[in-house]
Amino acid sequence: MLYWAAVFLVIALVAGLIGFGGIAAASFGFAKIIFIVAVVLFLVSAVFGMSRRQS
């Protein structure tokens, strides 16, 4: 999932350099959302993994 966040971030940077502001903003928004989802899933996985080990 972090791979896709990086892909959208690169698309946003390239589009911003070329001058496509709308595409850059949309791609950056997608990258930000995917990154946040990946971090939340990682944290949930870490919490459940630690609770499983203790019991």
C-alpha atoms as a PDB file:
ATOM      1  CA  MET A   1       0.000   0.000   0.000  1.00  0.00           C
ATOM      2  CA  LEU A   2       2.890   2.331   0.662  1.00  0.00           C
ATOM      3  CA  TYR A   3       4.050   1.582  -2.885  1.00  0.00           C
ATOM      4  CA  TRP A   4       0.834   3.064  -4.268  1.00  0.00           C
ATOM      5  CA  ALA A   5       1.157   6.098  -2.021  1.00  0.00           C
ATOM      6  CA  ALA A   6       4.660   6.656  -3.411  1.00  0.00           C
ATOM      7  CA  VAL A   7       3.398   6.213  -6.987  1.00  0.00           C
ATOM      8  CA  PHE A   8       0.679   8.829  -6.526  1.00  0.00           C
ATOM      9  CA  LEU A   9       3.173  11.163  -4.849  1.00  0.00           C
ATOM     10  CA  VAL A  10       5.542  10.879  -7.823  1.00  0.00           C
ATOM     11  CA  ILE A  11       2.646  11.473 -10.229  1.00  0.00           C
ATOM     12  CA  ALA A  12       1.687  14.571  -8.221  1.00  0.00           C
ATOM     13  CA  LEU A  13       5.253  15.902  -8.276  1.00  0.00           C
ATOM     14  CA  VAL A  14       5.672  15.335 -12.022  1.00  0.00           C
ATOM     15  CA  ALA A  15       2.272  16.852 -12.800  1.00  0.00           C
ATOM     16  CA  GLY A  16       3.111  19.837 -10.605  1.00  0.00           C
ATOM     17  CA  LEU A  17       6.407  20.397 -12.406  1.00  0.00           C
ATOM     18  CA  ILE A  18       4.733  20.213 -15.808  1.00  0.00           C
ATOM     19  CA  GLY A  19       1.999  22.606 -14.741  1.00  0.00           C
ATOM     20  CA  PHE A  20      -1.082  20.421 -14.352  1.00  0.00           C
ATOM     21  CA  GLY A  21      -2.235  21.773 -10.997  1.00  0.00           C
ATOM     22  CA  GLY A  22      -5.529  19.885 -10.824  1.00  0.00           C
ATOM     23  CA  ILE A  23      -3.960  16.508 -11.527  1.00  0.00           C
ATOM     24  CA  ALA A  24      -1.164  17.240  -9.068  1.00  0.00           C
ATOM     25  CA  ALA A  25      -3.609  18.146  -6.318  1.00  0.00           C
ATOM     26  CA  ALA A  26      -5.745  15.063  -6.923  1.00  0.00           C
ATOM     27  CA  SER A  27      -2.750  12.733  -7.006  1.00  0.00           C
ATOM     28  CA  PHE A  28      -1.342  14.252  -3.825  1.00  0.00           C
ATOM     29  CA  GLY A  29      -4.713  13.816  -2.133  1.00  0.00           C
ATOM     30  CA  PHE A  30      -4.831  10.143  -3.118  1.00  0.00           C
ATOM     31  CA  ALA A  31      -1.254   9.646  -1.923  1.00  0.00           C
ATOM     32  CA  LYS A  32      -2.056  11.248   1.425  1.00  0.00           C
ATOM     33  CA  ILE A  33      -5.183   9.149   1.948  1.00  0.00           C
ATOM     34  CA  ILE A  34      -3.438   5.900   1.004  1.00  0.00           C
ATOM     35  CA  PHE A  35      -0.516   6.717   3.303  1.00  0.00           C
ATOM     36  CA  ILE A  36      -2.828   7.402   6.249  1.00  0.00           C
ATOM     37  CA  VAL A  37      -4.733   4.166   5.635  1.00  0.00           C
ATOM     38  CA  ALA A  38      -1.430   2.242   5.495  1.00  0.00           C
ATOM     39  CA  VAL A  39      -0.244   3.758   8.788  1.00  0.00           C
ATOM     40  CA  VAL A  40      -3.565   2.996  10.508  1.00  0.00           C
ATOM     41  CA  LEU A  41      -3.501  -0.605   9.265  1.00  0.00           C
ATOM     42  CA  PHE A  42       0.086  -0.962  10.470  1.00  0.00           C
ATOM     43  CA  LEU A  43      -0.822   0.332  13.928  1.00  0.00           C
ATOM     44  CA  VAL A  44      -3.851  -1.973  14.181  1.00  0.00           C
ATOM     45  CA  SER A  45      -1.704  -4.906  13.092  1.00  0.00           C
ATOM     46  CA  ALA A  46       0.984  -4.025  15.644  1.00  0.00           C
ATOM     47  CA  VAL A  47      -1.548  -3.748  18.484  1.00  0.00           C
ATOM     48  CA  PHE A  48      -3.204  -7.063  17.637  1.00  0.00           C
ATOM     49  CA  GLY A  49       0.183  -8.723  17.193  1.00  0.00           C
ATOM     50  CA  MET A  50       1.362  -7.570  20.620  1.00  0.00           C
ATOM     51  CA  SER A  51      -1.898  -8.622  22.306  1.00  0.00           C
ATOM     52  CA  ARG A  52      -1.720 -12.048  20.679  1.00  0.00           C
ATOM     53  CA  ARG A  53       1.807 -12.629  22.020  1.00  0.00           C
ATOM     54  CA  GLN A  54       0.888 -11.734  25.606  1.00  0.00           C
ATOM     55  CA  SER A  55      -1.948 -14.220  25.929  1.00  0.00           C
END
